[in-house]
Amino acid sequence: MRLFLNLLLGLGLGTAIVFGLSHSASAVASSGSVNHSIYKVGATVSISGIINGDVFCLGQTVNINATINGDILCMGQTVNIDGKVIGNVRLVGQSIDLNSAVSNSASIVGQDITTENSSSIGKDASFAGQTTSLFGKIERDLSAASTNLTIDSSIGRNANINANKLSIGNSGRINGNLTYTSPSKISAVEKAKVRGSITYHRSKPTPSNQGLDTFYAGIYWLVALIVMSLILVAIFPKIFRKFNPEWGKQFWWRLLVGFVAMFAIPATILVLIFSVVGVPLAIVLLLTWIAGAIVSMSFAAYFIGSIIIKKLHPVLVVLVGSLILGLVELIPYAGWVLGLFAYWLGSGILLYGIRRSYKSKIVIK
């Protein structure tokens, strides 16, 4: 019965994500004061009031107008954030509008991104989008990759930018150094708005649809990761709990095992192929390795979720972890590096868990 309920929950959440929640007419609203974290899924997600905790949400339309004493991690087709956030903001969407005072950092991935005049980001900001318009103040560093990027606000320190077209508006100020990669240089008027040094790297013009294709590919991977992880955890919750390491020594050992396996397994496959007689075994090992590499991301996601929320249902734990991991991998440049670390961690968790289970069975016998 428990397996059936877990599978039903996983399939339900997975199906909702796959169909983009477009078939749901439900609306979820929170008002007043809430002294815990909020997890919301719906066609339209609306949150208001005072939230003394983190906000995790997924919807076609996400509207948040609240004081959040924690972090926001949300994904939607249209995302509007107002109010005040005493934490970090991590957003993914097609159209994203930030009109909020964010105390810490912000990482936003979207097709069209806008930070309004009244918005502010207290620490660092990372953006990846097709059209990015920055009108709100950023207190520290800016990292952005966009087809069209407009800076019409104050950047407290340095800016590292990759853009097909970079514009610095009348209210734009960069109080540190500017490093940018673009097909063309900014004008002399724009250069005067940079207090520090300017480093320019020329790039070839990028087709307008290339950045969009990359964005949609990232979203596809995010959705696929969430659905796969939900179903696996729904079917095998005990395995994920048993294999999941604690933060500290166990974590670093799993990471090391995954790192070594990334080189040892392909080397073993090559040796078997060159031995000729080992070709069938090499094919089996190759297919197993590919399947394990895919599944390993779910174990990494579960570990991330377990660090943040420990007492919720395993399906919800892996949902939060998958959202965070998928969002992190969408961050320009650093995303693929962090994704590689997640692969090492997940592979190490899987291999170490299998080895420990095998040894325990031998001892029992």
Protein backbone atom coordinates (compact mmCIF):
# COMPACT_ATOMS: atom_id res chain seq x y z
CA MET A 1 0.00 0.00 0.00
CA ARG A 2 2.82 2.43 0.89
CA LEU A 3 4.57 1.72 -2.43
CA PHE A 4 1.31 2.44 -4.25
CA LEU A 5 0.84 5.75 -2.40
CA ASN A 6 4.45 6.79 -3.03
CA LEU A 7 4.16 5.95 -6.71
CA LEU A 8 0.84 7.76 -6.95
CA LEU A 9 2.36 10.88 -5.38
CA GLY A 10 5.44 10.74 -7.61
CA LEU A 11 3.45 10.13 -10.78
CA GLY A 12 0.98 12.84 -9.84
CA LEU A 13 3.67 15.45 -9.35
CA GLY A 14 5.56 14.24 -12.41
CA THR A 15 2.48 14.37 -14.62
CA ALA A 16 1.65 17.88 -13.40
CA ILE A 17 5.13 19.05 -14.33
CA VAL A 18 5.17 17.32 -17.72
CA PHE A 19 1.91 18.93 -18.81
CA GLY A 20 3.02 22.33 -17.55
CA LEU A 21 0.13 22.47 -15.08
CA SER A 22 -1.99 23.93 -17.89
CA HIS A 23 -4.85 21.54 -17.18
CA SER A 24 -5.15 22.57 -13.54
CA ALA A 25 -7.57 25.33 -12.57
CA SER A 26 -6.53 25.41 -8.93
CA ALA A 27 -5.27 28.59 -7.28
CA VAL A 28 -3.21 28.56 -4.12
CA ALA A 29 -2.98 31.58 -1.84
CA SER A 30 -1.26 32.20 1.46
CA SER A 31 -1.93 35.31 3.51
CA GLY A 32 -1.33 36.52 7.02
CA SER A 33 1.71 35.15 8.85
CA VAL A 34 3.09 31.64 8.26
CA ASN A 35 5.83 30.24 10.50
CA HIS A 36 7.12 27.49 8.23
CA SER A 37 8.36 26.95 4.69
CA ILE A 38 5.81 26.83 1.87
CA TYR A 39 5.63 24.31 -0.99
CA LYS A 40 3.08 25.17 -3.70
CA VAL A 41 2.23 23.59 -7.06
CA GLY A 42 -0.64 24.81 -9.26
CA ALA A 43 -1.64 26.44 -12.52
CA THR A 44 -1.63 29.79 -10.68
CA VAL A 45 0.37 30.18 -7.49
CA SER A 46 -0.29 33.35 -5.48
CA ILE A 47 1.48 34.02 -2.18
CA SER A 48 1.07 37.05 0.07
CA GLY A 49 1.52 38.00 3.71
CA ILE A 50 4.55 37.21 5.88
CA ILE A 51 6.34 33.91 5.36
CA ASN A 52 8.83 32.96 8.07
CA GLY A 53 10.51 30.27 6.02
CA ASP A 54 11.48 29.40 2.47
CA VAL A 55 9.16 29.37 -0.55
CA PHE A 56 9.29 26.57 -3.11
CA CYS A 57 6.77 26.85 -5.93
CA LEU A 58 6.00 25.59 -9.40
CA GLY A 59 3.24 26.94 -11.63
CA GLN A 60 2.22 28.34 -14.96
CA THR A 61 1.80 31.77 -13.34
CA VAL A 62 3.58 32.61 -10.09
CA ASN A 63 2.70 35.82 -8.21
CA ILE A 64 4.48 36.55 -4.93
CA ASN A 65 3.76 39.77 -3.07
CA ALA A 66 4.98 39.09 0.44
CA THR A 67 7.68 39.45 3.02
CA ILE A 68 9.75 36.28 2.80
CA ASN A 69 12.04 35.65 5.75
CA GLY A 70 13.91 32.99 3.84
CA ASP A 71 14.75 32.01 0.26
CA ILE A 72 12.58 31.80 -2.85
CA LEU A 73 13.02 28.92 -5.29
CA CYS A 74 10.35 29.01 -8.01
CA MET A 75 9.75 28.04 -11.61
CA GLY A 76 6.92 29.12 -13.91
CA GLN A 77 5.99 30.45 -17.30
CA THR A 78 5.31 33.91 -15.85
CA VAL A 79 6.94 34.82 -12.54
CA ASN A 80 6.29 38.12 -10.71
CA ILE A 81 8.09 38.83 -7.44
CA ASP A 82 7.12 41.83 -5.28
CA GLY A 83 7.62 42.68 -1.62
CA LYS A 84 10.72 41.87 0.42
CA VAL A 85 12.99 38.82 0.53
CA ILE A 86 15.33 38.30 3.51
CA GLY A 87 17.32 35.64 1.72
CA ASN A 88 18.22 34.48 -1.78
CA VAL A 89 16.08 34.38 -4.90
CA ARG A 90 16.41 31.55 -7.48
CA LEU A 91 13.98 31.76 -10.41
CA VAL A 92 13.40 30.03 -13.74
CA GLY A 93 10.72 31.11 -16.20
CA GLN A 94 9.79 32.44 -19.59
CA SER A 95 8.91 35.94 -18.39
CA ILE A 96 10.33 37.08 -15.04
CA ASP A 97 9.72 40.42 -13.35
CA LEU A 98 11.58 41.23 -10.12
CA ASN A 99 10.19 44.18 -8.18
CA SER A 100 11.46 43.19 -4.75
CA ALA A 101 14.13 44.15 -2.24
CA VAL A 102 16.34 41.05 -2.01
CA SER A 103 18.73 41.02 0.95
CA ASN A 104 21.12 38.39 -0.39
CA SER A 105 21.85 37.09 -3.89
CA ALA A 106 19.71 36.39 -6.96
CA SER A 107 20.09 33.78 -9.71
CA ILE A 108 17.55 34.13 -12.51
CA VAL A 109 17.19 32.18 -15.75
CA GLY A 110 14.52 33.16 -18.26
CA GLN A 111 13.65 34.26 -21.76
CA ASP A 112 12.69 37.81 -20.75
CA ILE A 113 14.07 39.12 -17.45
CA THR A 114 13.36 42.53 -15.93
CA THR A 115 14.44 44.01 -12.61
CA GLU A 116 12.34 47.10 -11.87
CA ASN A 117 13.56 50.51 -10.64
CA SER A 118 12.29 49.85 -7.12
CA SER A 119 14.02 46.48 -6.86
CA SER A 120 17.40 45.86 -5.25
CA ILE A 121 19.75 42.93 -4.77
CA GLY A 122 21.88 43.11 -1.62
CA LYS A 123 24.70 40.85 -2.77
CA ASP A 124 25.58 39.18 -6.10
CA ALA A 125 23.35 38.68 -9.12
CA SER A 126 23.50 36.07 -11.92
CA PHE A 127 21.29 36.26 -15.01
CA ALA A 128 20.89 34.07 -18.08
CA GLY A 129 18.30 35.06 -20.65
CA GLN A 130 17.47 36.16 -24.15
CA THR A 131 16.46 39.72 -23.21
CA THR A 132 17.66 41.03 -19.86
CA SER A 133 16.79 44.55 -18.66
CA LEU A 134 18.32 45.68 -15.37
CA PHE A 135 16.79 48.79 -13.78
CA GLY A 136 17.22 47.82 -10.12
CA LYS A 137 20.33 48.33 -7.99
CA ILE A 138 22.84 45.48 -7.47
CA GLU A 139 25.07 46.00 -4.44
CA ARG A 140 27.93 43.67 -5.38
CA ASP A 141 28.94 41.70 -8.50
CA LEU A 142 26.97 41.05 -11.68
CA SER A 143 27.38 37.95 -13.85
CA ALA A 144 25.19 37.78 -16.94
CA ALA A 145 24.82 35.92 -20.22
CA SER A 146 22.17 37.29 -22.55
CA THR A 147 21.45 37.92 -26.19
CA ASN A 148 20.41 41.51 -25.42
CA LEU A 149 21.47 43.03 -22.10
CA THR A 150 20.60 46.53 -20.87
CA ILE A 151 22.17 47.92 -17.68
CA ASP A 152 20.30 51.00 -16.50
CA SER A 153 21.10 50.75 -12.80
CA SER A 154 23.99 50.86 -10.36
CA ILE A 155 26.32 47.87 -10.04
CA GLY A 156 28.21 48.06 -6.74
CA ARG A 157 31.35 46.22 -7.82
CA ASN A 158 32.40 44.23 -10.89
CA ALA A 159 30.46 43.03 -13.93
CA ASN A 160 31.27 39.95 -16.00
CA ILE A 161 29.09 39.86 -19.09
CA ASN A 162 28.62 37.77 -22.22
CA ALA A 163 26.13 39.41 -24.57
CA ASN A 164 25.36 39.69 -28.25
CA LYS A 165 24.41 43.31 -27.59
CA LEU A 166 25.37 45.21 -24.43
CA SER A 167 23.89 48.62 -23.62
CA ILE A 168 24.56 50.85 -20.61
CA GLY A 169 21.70 53.33 -20.15
CA ASN A 170 21.62 56.85 -18.75
CA SER A 171 21.25 55.61 -15.17
CA GLY A 172 23.74 52.79 -15.63
CA ARG A 173 26.84 52.78 -13.43
CA ILE A 174 29.47 50.09 -12.86
CA ASN A 175 31.51 51.01 -9.80
CA GLY A 176 34.15 48.33 -10.34
CA ASN A 177 35.68 46.57 -13.34
CA LEU A 178 33.84 45.52 -16.49
CA THR A 179 34.80 42.35 -18.34
CA TYR A 180 32.61 41.64 -21.33
CA THR A 181 32.48 39.40 -24.38
CA SER A 182 30.52 40.71 -27.34
CA PRO A 183 30.73 41.12 -31.13
CA SER A 184 31.10 44.90 -30.74
CA LYS A 185 32.54 47.35 -28.22
CA ILE A 186 30.46 49.69 -26.11
CA SER A 187 30.52 53.42 -26.96
CA ALA A 188 32.76 56.05 -25.38
CA VAL A 189 29.76 57.44 -23.49
CA GLU A 190 29.05 53.99 -22.05
CA LYS A 191 32.73 53.47 -21.16
CA ALA A 192 32.65 56.66 -19.08
CA LYS A 193 30.07 55.00 -16.81
CA VAL A 194 32.57 52.36 -15.71
CA ARG A 195 34.79 53.47 -12.82
CA GLY A 196 37.24 50.59 -12.97
CA SER A 197 39.11 48.92 -15.80
CA ILE A 198 37.44 47.58 -18.95
CA THR A 199 38.44 44.25 -20.52
CA TYR A 200 36.92 43.41 -23.88
CA HIS A 201 36.84 40.03 -25.64
CA ARG A 202 35.51 39.93 -29.17
CA SER A 203 33.08 37.18 -30.10
CA LYS A 204 31.23 36.22 -33.24
CA PRO A 205 27.61 37.39 -33.52
CA THR A 206 25.26 34.77 -32.10
CA PRO A 207 22.04 33.92 -33.93
CA SER A 208 19.10 35.25 -31.93
CA ASN A 209 17.55 31.81 -31.58
CA GLN A 210 20.69 30.10 -30.29
CA GLY A 211 20.39 31.45 -26.76
CA LEU A 212 16.71 30.54 -26.77
CA ASP A 213 17.51 26.98 -27.89
CA THR A 214 20.03 26.65 -25.07
CA PHE A 215 17.47 27.93 -22.59
CA TYR A 216 14.80 25.48 -23.73
CA ALA A 217 17.33 22.63 -23.64
CA GLY A 218 18.12 23.55 -20.03
CA ILE A 219 14.44 23.66 -19.13
CA TYR A 220 13.91 20.27 -20.78
CA TRP A 221 16.71 18.77 -18.68
CA LEU A 222 15.28 20.37 -15.53
CA VAL A 223 11.82 18.92 -16.13
CA ALA A 224 13.23 15.51 -17.11
CA LEU A 225 15.38 15.41 -13.96
CA ILE A 226 12.43 16.26 -11.73
CA VAL A 227 10.09 13.69 -13.28
CA MET A 228 12.71 10.91 -13.25
CA SER A 229 13.70 11.64 -9.65
CA LEU A 230 10.09 11.76 -8.44
CA ILE A 231 9.26 8.39 -9.96
CA LEU A 232 12.47 6.69 -8.75
CA VAL A 233 12.05 7.92 -5.19
CA ALA A 234 8.36 7.02 -5.21
CA ILE A 235 9.25 3.43 -6.13
CA PHE A 236 12.46 3.05 -4.09
CA PRO A 237 12.22 5.41 -1.09
CA LYS A 238 14.10 3.07 1.24
CA ILE A 239 17.06 2.79 -1.14
CA PHE A 240 17.41 6.57 -1.37
CA ARG A 241 17.21 6.89 2.41
CA LYS A 242 19.71 4.08 2.96
CA PHE A 243 22.24 5.25 0.37
CA ASN A 244 22.01 8.95 1.28
CA PRO A 245 25.19 10.10 3.09
CA GLU A 246 25.50 12.59 5.91
CA TRP A 247 27.23 15.91 5.38
CA GLY A 248 30.90 15.68 6.32
CA LYS A 249 33.28 12.75 5.89
CA GLN A 250 30.69 10.56 4.16
CA PHE A 251 29.96 13.30 1.63
CA TRP A 252 33.61 13.74 0.66
CA TRP A 253 34.18 9.99 0.35
CA ARG A 254 31.20 9.67 -2.00
CA LEU A 255 32.49 12.59 -4.07
CA LEU A 256 35.93 10.96 -4.33
CA VAL A 257 34.45 7.60 -5.34
CA GLY A 258 32.42 9.28 -8.10
CA PHE A 259 35.47 11.18 -9.35
CA VAL A 260 37.59 8.02 -9.57
CA ALA A 261 34.75 6.06 -11.21
CA MET A 262 34.45 8.66 -13.99
CA PHE A 263 37.91 7.61 -15.22
CA ALA A 264 38.11 4.00 -14.02
CA ILE A 265 34.91 2.73 -15.66
CA PRO A 266 35.65 4.06 -19.20
CA ALA A 267 39.22 2.71 -18.89
CA THR A 268 37.86 -0.72 -17.96
CA ILE A 269 35.46 -0.64 -20.92
CA LEU A 270 38.32 0.17 -23.31
CA VAL A 271 40.45 -2.66 -21.93
CA LEU A 272 37.58 -5.11 -22.42
CA ILE A 273 37.00 -3.89 -25.99
CA PHE A 274 40.68 -4.29 -26.96
CA SER A 275 40.73 -7.75 -25.44
CA VAL A 276 38.19 -8.80 -28.13
CA VAL A 277 36.73 -11.61 -26.01
CA GLY A 278 35.53 -9.01 -23.52
CA VAL A 279 33.45 -7.03 -26.04
CA PRO A 280 30.06 -8.42 -24.88
CA LEU A 281 30.93 -7.60 -21.29
CA ALA A 282 32.13 -4.14 -22.37
CA ILE A 283 28.76 -3.46 -24.01
CA VAL A 284 26.89 -4.53 -20.87
CA LEU A 285 29.18 -2.39 -18.69
CA LEU A 286 28.77 0.59 -21.05
CA LEU A 287 24.97 0.42 -20.95
CA THR A 288 25.02 -0.01 -17.16
CA TRP A 289 27.37 2.97 -16.84
CA ILE A 290 25.12 5.19 -18.96
CA ALA A 291 22.04 4.20 -16.96
CA GLY A 292 23.93 4.72 -13.70
CA ALA A 293 25.14 8.15 -14.82
CA ILE A 294 21.56 9.25 -15.50
CA VAL A 295 20.19 7.82 -12.26
CA SER A 296 23.10 9.28 -10.27
CA MET A 297 21.69 12.80 -10.71
CA SER A 298 18.58 11.72 -8.79
CA PHE A 299 20.74 10.57 -5.86
CA ALA A 300 22.59 13.90 -5.93
CA ALA A 301 19.26 15.73 -6.00
CA TYR A 302 17.98 13.72 -3.03
CA PHE A 303 21.10 14.56 -1.04
CA ILE A 304 20.69 18.28 -1.78
CA GLY A 305 17.03 18.15 -0.78
CA SER A 306 17.83 16.25 2.44
CA ILE A 307 20.27 18.98 3.49
CA ILE A 308 17.52 21.61 3.20
CA ILE A 309 14.48 19.66 4.41
CA LYS A 310 14.95 16.46 6.41
CA LYS A 311 11.54 15.67 7.86
CA LEU A 312 9.31 15.77 4.77
CA HIS A 313 8.21 12.92 2.53
CA PRO A 314 11.06 11.56 0.33
CA VAL A 315 9.16 12.59 -2.82
CA LEU A 316 9.05 16.20 -1.64
CA VAL A 317 12.70 16.04 -0.58
CA VAL A 318 13.81 14.98 -4.07
CA LEU A 319 11.47 17.52 -5.69
CA VAL A 320 13.18 20.37 -3.83
CA GLY A 321 16.63 18.91 -4.51
CA SER A 322 15.90 18.45 -8.22
CA LEU A 323 14.67 22.03 -8.55
CA ILE A 324 17.80 23.38 -6.88
CA LEU A 325 20.15 21.17 -8.90
CA GLY A 326 18.39 22.01 -12.18
CA LEU A 327 18.48 25.73 -11.43
CA VAL A 328 22.15 25.60 -10.50
CA GLU A 329 23.01 23.85 -13.77
CA LEU A 330 21.31 26.67 -15.68
CA ILE A 331 23.72 29.26 -14.26
CA PRO A 332 26.05 30.48 -17.04
CA TYR A 333 29.59 29.02 -17.05
CA ALA A 334 29.53 27.72 -13.46
CA GLY A 335 26.49 25.52 -14.11
CA TRP A 336 28.27 22.76 -16.00
CA VAL A 337 31.06 22.64 -13.40
CA LEU A 338 28.56 22.29 -10.56
CA GLY A 339 26.67 19.71 -12.61
CA LEU A 340 29.88 17.70 -12.93
CA PHE A 341 30.32 17.77 -9.14
CA ALA A 342 26.71 16.60 -8.80
CA TYR A 343 27.47 13.69 -11.16
CA TRP A 344 30.51 12.72 -9.08
CA LEU A 345 28.47 12.88 -5.90
CA GLY A 346 25.53 10.91 -7.30
CA SER A 347 27.77 8.25 -8.82
CA GLY A 348 29.68 7.91 -5.58
CA ILE A 349 26.47 7.58 -3.57
CA LEU A 350 25.15 4.90 -5.93
CA LEU A 351 28.38 2.86 -6.10
CA TYR A 352 29.14 3.14 -2.39
CA GLY A 353 25.56 2.19 -1.54
CA ILE A 354 25.61 -0.87 -3.80
CA ARG A 355 28.95 -1.99 -2.36
CA ARG A 356 27.75 -1.57 1.23
CA SER A 357 24.52 -3.48 0.53
CA TYR A 358 26.47 -6.30 -1.13
CA LYS A 359 28.90 -6.56 1.79
CA SER A 360 26.06 -6.63 4.33
CA LYS A 361 24.41 -9.52 2.48
CA ILE A 362 27.68 -11.47 2.48
CA VAL A 363 28.14 -10.90 6.22
CA ILE A 364 24.56 -12.09 6.89
CA LYS A 365 25.20 -15.27 4.94
